Amino acid sequence: MEDSPALKGADRSKLRGLAMRRRDDATLGKGGIADGFASNVDGLLKREQLVKVRLLVDDRAERVRLLDELAVRVGAEVVGRTGKTGLLYRRNLEKPSLLR
């Protein structure tokens, strides 16, 4: 992630609210994170700043690990996890902030 301060609780809450009615942007299968998948999520973050990811993995600890790994690979921050869905955020300085 860029050299930006960590998100505050209120910011995370606002981003989760924005994602509530949003459809899943990407689906991560049981095969793990392929380079093409990470590249796709990176492109989505550039355009949208907020990406909702569905993880088709049954083991909770594995879902947490995969979402954290994906966030590191694309330079994003995990702002929410609910069941098999994770939410990633990365600010695009060329676009208006979602947090304003």
N, C-alpha and C. Protein backbone atom coordinates (compact mmCIF):
# COMPACT_ATOMS: atom_id res chain seq x y z
N MET A 1 0.84 -1.17 0.00
CA MET A 1 0.00 0.00 0.00
C MET A 1 0.89 1.24 0.00
N GLU A 2 0.39 2.35 -0.54
CA GLU A 2 1.16 3.58 -0.53
C GLU A 2 1.46 3.99 0.90
N ASP A 3 2.27 5.01 1.05
CA ASP A 3 2.63 5.50 2.37
C ASP A 3 1.49 6.30 2.97
N SER A 4 0.38 5.66 3.19
CA SER A 4 -0.78 6.33 3.77
C SER A 4 -1.00 5.78 5.17
N PRO A 5 -1.58 6.59 6.05
CA PRO A 5 -1.85 6.11 7.40
C PRO A 5 -2.89 5.00 7.38
N ALA A 6 -2.84 4.18 8.41
CA ALA A 6 -3.82 3.09 8.52
C ALA A 6 -5.22 3.67 8.64
N LEU A 7 -6.17 2.95 8.14
CA LEU A 7 -7.57 3.40 8.21
C LEU A 7 -8.07 3.40 9.64
N LYS A 8 -8.91 4.36 9.96
CA LYS A 8 -9.54 4.44 11.27
C LYS A 8 -10.77 3.55 11.27
N GLY A 9 -11.29 3.26 12.44
CA GLY A 9 -12.48 2.43 12.57
C GLY A 9 -13.68 2.97 11.81
N ALA A 10 -13.86 4.29 11.86
CA ALA A 10 -15.00 4.91 11.17
C ALA A 10 -14.85 4.77 9.65
N ASP A 11 -13.60 4.85 9.16
CA ASP A 11 -13.35 4.67 7.73
C ASP A 11 -13.68 3.25 7.29
N ARG A 12 -13.25 2.29 8.09
CA ARG A 12 -13.54 0.88 7.78
C ARG A 12 -15.04 0.64 7.76
N SER A 13 -15.73 1.22 8.72
CA SER A 13 -17.18 1.06 8.81
C SER A 13 -17.87 1.64 7.58
N LYS A 14 -17.42 2.81 7.14
CA LYS A 14 -18.01 3.43 5.96
C LYS A 14 -17.78 2.56 4.72
N LEU A 15 -16.57 2.03 4.57
CA LEU A 15 -16.26 1.19 3.42
C LEU A 15 -17.09 -0.09 3.44
N ARG A 16 -17.26 -0.69 4.61
CA ARG A 16 -18.10 -1.90 4.71
C ARG A 16 -19.54 -1.57 4.32
N GLY A 17 -20.01 -0.40 4.73
CA GLY A 17 -21.36 0.03 4.36
C GLY A 17 -21.51 0.19 2.86
N LEU A 18 -20.49 0.76 2.21
CA LEU A 18 -20.52 0.93 0.76
C LEU A 18 -20.57 -0.41 0.03
N ALA A 19 -19.99 -1.42 0.64
CA ALA A 19 -19.90 -2.73 -0.01
C ALA A 19 -21.11 -3.63 0.25
N MET A 20 -21.96 -3.25 1.17
CA MET A 20 -23.07 -4.13 1.55
C MET A 20 -23.93 -4.61 0.39
N ARG A 21 -24.34 -3.72 -0.44
CA ARG A 21 -25.25 -4.10 -1.54
C ARG A 21 -24.51 -4.38 -2.83
N ARG A 22 -23.22 -4.37 -2.77
CA ARG A 22 -22.39 -4.60 -3.93
C ARG A 22 -22.24 -6.09 -4.18
N ARG A 23 -22.21 -6.47 -5.44
CA ARG A 23 -21.97 -7.87 -5.79
C ARG A 23 -20.50 -8.18 -5.62
N ASP A 24 -20.18 -9.47 -5.56
CA ASP A 24 -18.78 -9.89 -5.49
C ASP A 24 -18.07 -9.46 -6.77
N ASP A 25 -16.90 -8.86 -6.61
CA ASP A 25 -16.12 -8.43 -7.77
C ASP A 25 -15.23 -9.54 -8.30
N ALA A 26 -14.78 -10.43 -7.41
CA ALA A 26 -13.86 -11.50 -7.80
C ALA A 26 -14.13 -12.71 -6.93
N THR A 27 -13.86 -13.89 -7.48
CA THR A 27 -14.06 -15.14 -6.76
C THR A 27 -12.76 -15.92 -6.74
N LEU A 28 -12.28 -16.23 -5.54
CA LEU A 28 -11.04 -16.97 -5.36
C LEU A 28 -11.38 -18.42 -5.06
N GLY A 29 -10.95 -19.32 -5.94
CA GLY A 29 -11.23 -20.74 -5.78
C GLY A 29 -10.28 -21.42 -4.83
N LYS A 30 -10.44 -22.72 -4.71
CA LYS A 30 -9.65 -23.53 -3.79
C LYS A 30 -8.20 -23.69 -4.25
N GLY A 31 -7.91 -23.33 -5.49
CA GLY A 31 -6.56 -23.48 -6.02
C GLY A 31 -5.58 -22.44 -5.53
N GLY A 32 -6.05 -21.43 -4.84
CA GLY A 32 -5.16 -20.40 -4.32
C GLY A 32 -5.09 -19.20 -5.24
N ILE A 33 -4.12 -18.34 -4.97
CA ILE A 33 -4.00 -17.07 -5.67
C ILE A 33 -3.04 -17.21 -6.85
N ALA A 34 -3.58 -17.25 -8.05
CA ALA A 34 -2.77 -17.30 -9.26
C ALA A 34 -2.35 -15.87 -9.61
N ASP A 35 -1.28 -15.75 -10.38
CA ASP A 35 -0.80 -14.43 -10.79
C ASP A 35 -1.88 -13.66 -11.55
N GLY A 36 -2.62 -14.34 -12.40
CA GLY A 36 -3.68 -13.69 -13.17
C GLY A 36 -4.79 -13.16 -12.28
N PHE A 37 -5.12 -13.90 -11.24
CA PHE A 37 -6.16 -13.46 -10.31
C PHE A 37 -5.70 -12.21 -9.57
N ALA A 38 -4.47 -12.22 -9.07
CA ALA A 38 -3.93 -11.06 -8.36
C ALA A 38 -3.88 -9.84 -9.29
N SER A 39 -3.53 -10.06 -10.53
CA SER A 39 -3.48 -8.97 -11.51
C SER A 39 -4.87 -8.41 -11.76
N ASN A 40 -5.87 -9.28 -11.84
CA ASN A 40 -7.25 -8.86 -12.02
C ASN A 40 -7.72 -8.01 -10.83
N VAL A 41 -7.44 -8.46 -9.63
CA VAL A 41 -7.83 -7.72 -8.43
C VAL A 41 -7.10 -6.37 -8.39
N ASP A 42 -5.83 -6.35 -8.78
CA ASP A 42 -5.07 -5.11 -8.83
C ASP A 42 -5.75 -4.10 -9.78
N GLY A 43 -6.16 -4.57 -10.94
CA GLY A 43 -6.86 -3.70 -11.90
C GLY A 43 -8.19 -3.19 -11.35
N LEU A 44 -8.92 -4.07 -10.66
CA LEU A 44 -10.18 -3.65 -10.04
C LEU A 44 -9.95 -2.58 -8.98
N LEU A 45 -8.90 -2.75 -8.19
CA LEU A 45 -8.59 -1.76 -7.15
C LEU A 45 -8.22 -0.42 -7.76
N LYS A 46 -7.52 -0.44 -8.88
CA LYS A 46 -7.16 0.82 -9.55
C LYS A 46 -8.42 1.57 -9.99
N ARG A 47 -9.40 0.82 -10.49
CA ARG A 47 -10.63 1.43 -10.98
C ARG A 47 -11.61 1.76 -9.87
N GLU A 48 -11.79 0.83 -8.95
CA GLU A 48 -12.88 0.92 -7.97
C GLU A 48 -12.45 1.34 -6.57
N GLN A 49 -11.21 1.08 -6.19
CA GLN A 49 -10.65 1.32 -4.86
C GLN A 49 -11.14 0.33 -3.81
N LEU A 50 -12.30 -0.24 -4.01
CA LEU A 50 -12.92 -1.16 -3.07
C LEU A 50 -13.32 -2.42 -3.83
N VAL A 51 -12.84 -3.57 -3.38
CA VAL A 51 -13.11 -4.83 -4.08
C VAL A 51 -13.63 -5.86 -3.10
N LYS A 52 -14.74 -6.48 -3.47
CA LYS A 52 -15.36 -7.54 -2.67
C LYS A 52 -14.96 -8.88 -3.27
N VAL A 53 -14.35 -9.73 -2.44
CA VAL A 53 -13.82 -11.01 -2.91
C VAL A 53 -14.55 -12.15 -2.22
N ARG A 54 -15.04 -13.09 -3.01
CA ARG A 54 -15.66 -14.31 -2.48
C ARG A 54 -14.58 -15.38 -2.44
N LEU A 55 -14.41 -16.04 -1.29
CA LEU A 55 -13.39 -17.10 -1.13
C LEU A 55 -14.10 -18.44 -1.01
N LEU A 56 -13.88 -19.30 -1.97
CA LEU A 56 -14.55 -20.61 -2.00
C LEU A 56 -13.75 -21.66 -1.26
N VAL A 57 -13.34 -21.34 -0.06
CA VAL A 57 -12.55 -22.23 0.78
C VAL A 57 -13.34 -22.45 2.06
N ASP A 58 -13.45 -23.71 2.48
CA ASP A 58 -14.25 -24.02 3.66
C ASP A 58 -13.57 -23.68 4.98
N ASP A 59 -12.26 -23.85 5.04
CA ASP A 59 -11.51 -23.64 6.28
C ASP A 59 -11.34 -22.15 6.57
N ARG A 60 -11.83 -21.71 7.72
CA ARG A 60 -11.79 -20.29 8.06
C ARG A 60 -10.37 -19.74 8.13
N ALA A 61 -9.48 -20.47 8.77
CA ALA A 61 -8.09 -20.01 8.89
C ALA A 61 -7.44 -19.85 7.52
N GLU A 62 -7.76 -20.74 6.61
CA GLU A 62 -7.22 -20.66 5.25
C GLU A 62 -7.78 -19.45 4.51
N ARG A 63 -9.07 -19.14 4.72
CA ARG A 63 -9.66 -17.94 4.11
C ARG A 63 -8.96 -16.68 4.61
N VAL A 64 -8.70 -16.61 5.91
CA VAL A 64 -8.01 -15.47 6.50
C VAL A 64 -6.62 -15.35 5.89
N ARG A 65 -5.90 -16.45 5.80
CA ARG A 65 -4.55 -16.45 5.25
C ARG A 65 -4.54 -16.00 3.79
N LEU A 66 -5.46 -16.54 2.99
CA LEU A 66 -5.51 -16.20 1.57
C LEU A 66 -5.86 -14.72 1.36
N LEU A 67 -6.82 -14.20 2.12
CA LEU A 67 -7.20 -12.81 1.96
C LEU A 67 -6.04 -11.89 2.38
N ASP A 68 -5.36 -12.24 3.46
CA ASP A 68 -4.21 -11.45 3.90
C ASP A 68 -3.09 -11.50 2.85
N GLU A 69 -2.84 -12.67 2.28
CA GLU A 69 -1.81 -12.80 1.25
C GLU A 69 -2.18 -11.99 0.01
N LEU A 70 -3.43 -12.05 -0.39
CA LEU A 70 -3.88 -11.27 -1.55
C LEU A 70 -3.71 -9.77 -1.30
N ALA A 71 -4.06 -9.33 -0.10
CA ALA A 71 -3.92 -7.91 0.24
C ALA A 71 -2.47 -7.46 0.13
N VAL A 72 -1.55 -8.27 0.60
CA VAL A 72 -0.13 -7.94 0.52
C VAL A 72 0.32 -7.90 -0.94
N ARG A 73 -0.11 -8.88 -1.73
CA ARG A 73 0.31 -8.96 -3.14
C ARG A 73 -0.17 -7.77 -3.96
N VAL A 74 -1.34 -7.23 -3.65
CA VAL A 74 -1.87 -6.12 -4.45
C VAL A 74 -1.72 -4.78 -3.75
N GLY A 75 -1.11 -4.77 -2.57
CA GLY A 75 -0.89 -3.52 -1.85
C GLY A 75 -2.16 -2.89 -1.32
N ALA A 76 -3.07 -3.73 -0.85
CA ALA A 76 -4.36 -3.25 -0.34
C ALA A 76 -4.47 -3.52 1.16
N GLU A 77 -5.53 -3.02 1.74
CA GLU A 77 -5.80 -3.25 3.15
C GLU A 77 -7.11 -4.03 3.27
N VAL A 78 -7.13 -5.04 4.13
CA VAL A 78 -8.36 -5.78 4.40
C VAL A 78 -9.20 -4.92 5.33
N VAL A 79 -10.40 -4.57 4.87
CA VAL A 79 -11.27 -3.72 5.69
C VAL A 79 -12.48 -4.46 6.23
N GLY A 80 -12.65 -5.70 5.82
CA GLY A 80 -13.77 -6.47 6.34
C GLY A 80 -13.71 -7.93 5.92
N ARG A 81 -14.26 -8.78 6.80
CA ARG A 81 -14.40 -10.21 6.53
C ARG A 81 -15.74 -10.64 7.11
N THR A 82 -16.53 -11.28 6.30
CA THR A 82 -17.79 -11.83 6.77
C THR A 82 -17.98 -13.17 6.09
N GLY A 83 -17.93 -14.24 6.84
CA GLY A 83 -18.07 -15.57 6.26
C GLY A 83 -17.04 -15.81 5.18
N LYS A 84 -17.50 -16.09 3.98
CA LYS A 84 -16.60 -16.38 2.86
C LYS A 84 -16.36 -15.16 1.97
N THR A 85 -16.63 -13.98 2.51
CA THR A 85 -16.45 -12.75 1.74
C THR A 85 -15.46 -11.84 2.44
N GLY A 86 -14.54 -11.29 1.65
CA GLY A 86 -13.57 -10.35 2.17
C GLY A 86 -13.63 -9.05 1.39
N LEU A 87 -13.21 -7.98 2.01
CA LEU A 87 -13.27 -6.66 1.41
C LEU A 87 -11.89 -6.02 1.45
N LEU A 88 -11.40 -5.62 0.27
CA LEU A 88 -10.09 -4.99 0.15
C LEU A 88 -10.25 -3.54 -0.30
N TYR A 89 -9.38 -2.67 0.23
CA TYR A 89 -9.41 -1.25 -0.13
C TYR A 89 -7.99 -0.77 -0.42
N ARG A 90 -7.87 -0.01 -1.48
CA ARG A 90 -6.62 0.66 -1.80
C ARG A 90 -6.96 2.01 -2.42
N ARG A 91 -6.52 3.07 -1.80
CA ARG A 91 -6.81 4.43 -2.27
C ARG A 91 -6.09 4.68 -3.59
N ASN A 92 -6.82 5.23 -4.56
CA ASN A 92 -6.26 5.67 -5.83
C ASN A 92 -6.20 7.18 -5.78
N LEU A 93 -4.99 7.72 -5.74
CA LEU A 93 -4.81 9.17 -5.58
C LEU A 93 -5.30 9.97 -6.78
N GLU A 94 -5.54 9.31 -7.92
CA GLU A 94 -6.01 9.99 -9.11
C GLU A 94 -7.54 10.09 -9.16
N LYS A 95 -8.21 9.49 -8.19
CA LYS A 95 -9.67 9.49 -8.15
C LYS A 95 -10.15 10.09 -6.84
N PRO A 96 -11.39 10.56 -6.81
CA PRO A 96 -11.94 11.05 -5.54
C PRO A 96 -11.98 9.90 -4.52
N SER A 97 -11.69 10.23 -3.30
CA SER A 97 -11.68 9.23 -2.23
C SER A 97 -13.10 8.73 -1.94
N LEU A 98 -13.22 7.47 -1.64
CA LEU A 98 -14.51 6.92 -1.23
C LEU A 98 -14.85 7.34 0.20
N LEU A 99 -13.88 7.85 0.90
CA LEU A 99 -14.07 8.18 2.32
C LEU A 99 -14.50 9.62 2.57
N ARG A 100 -14.81 10.34 1.54
CA ARG A 100 -15.22 11.75 1.72
C ARG A 100 -16.69 11.90 1.50
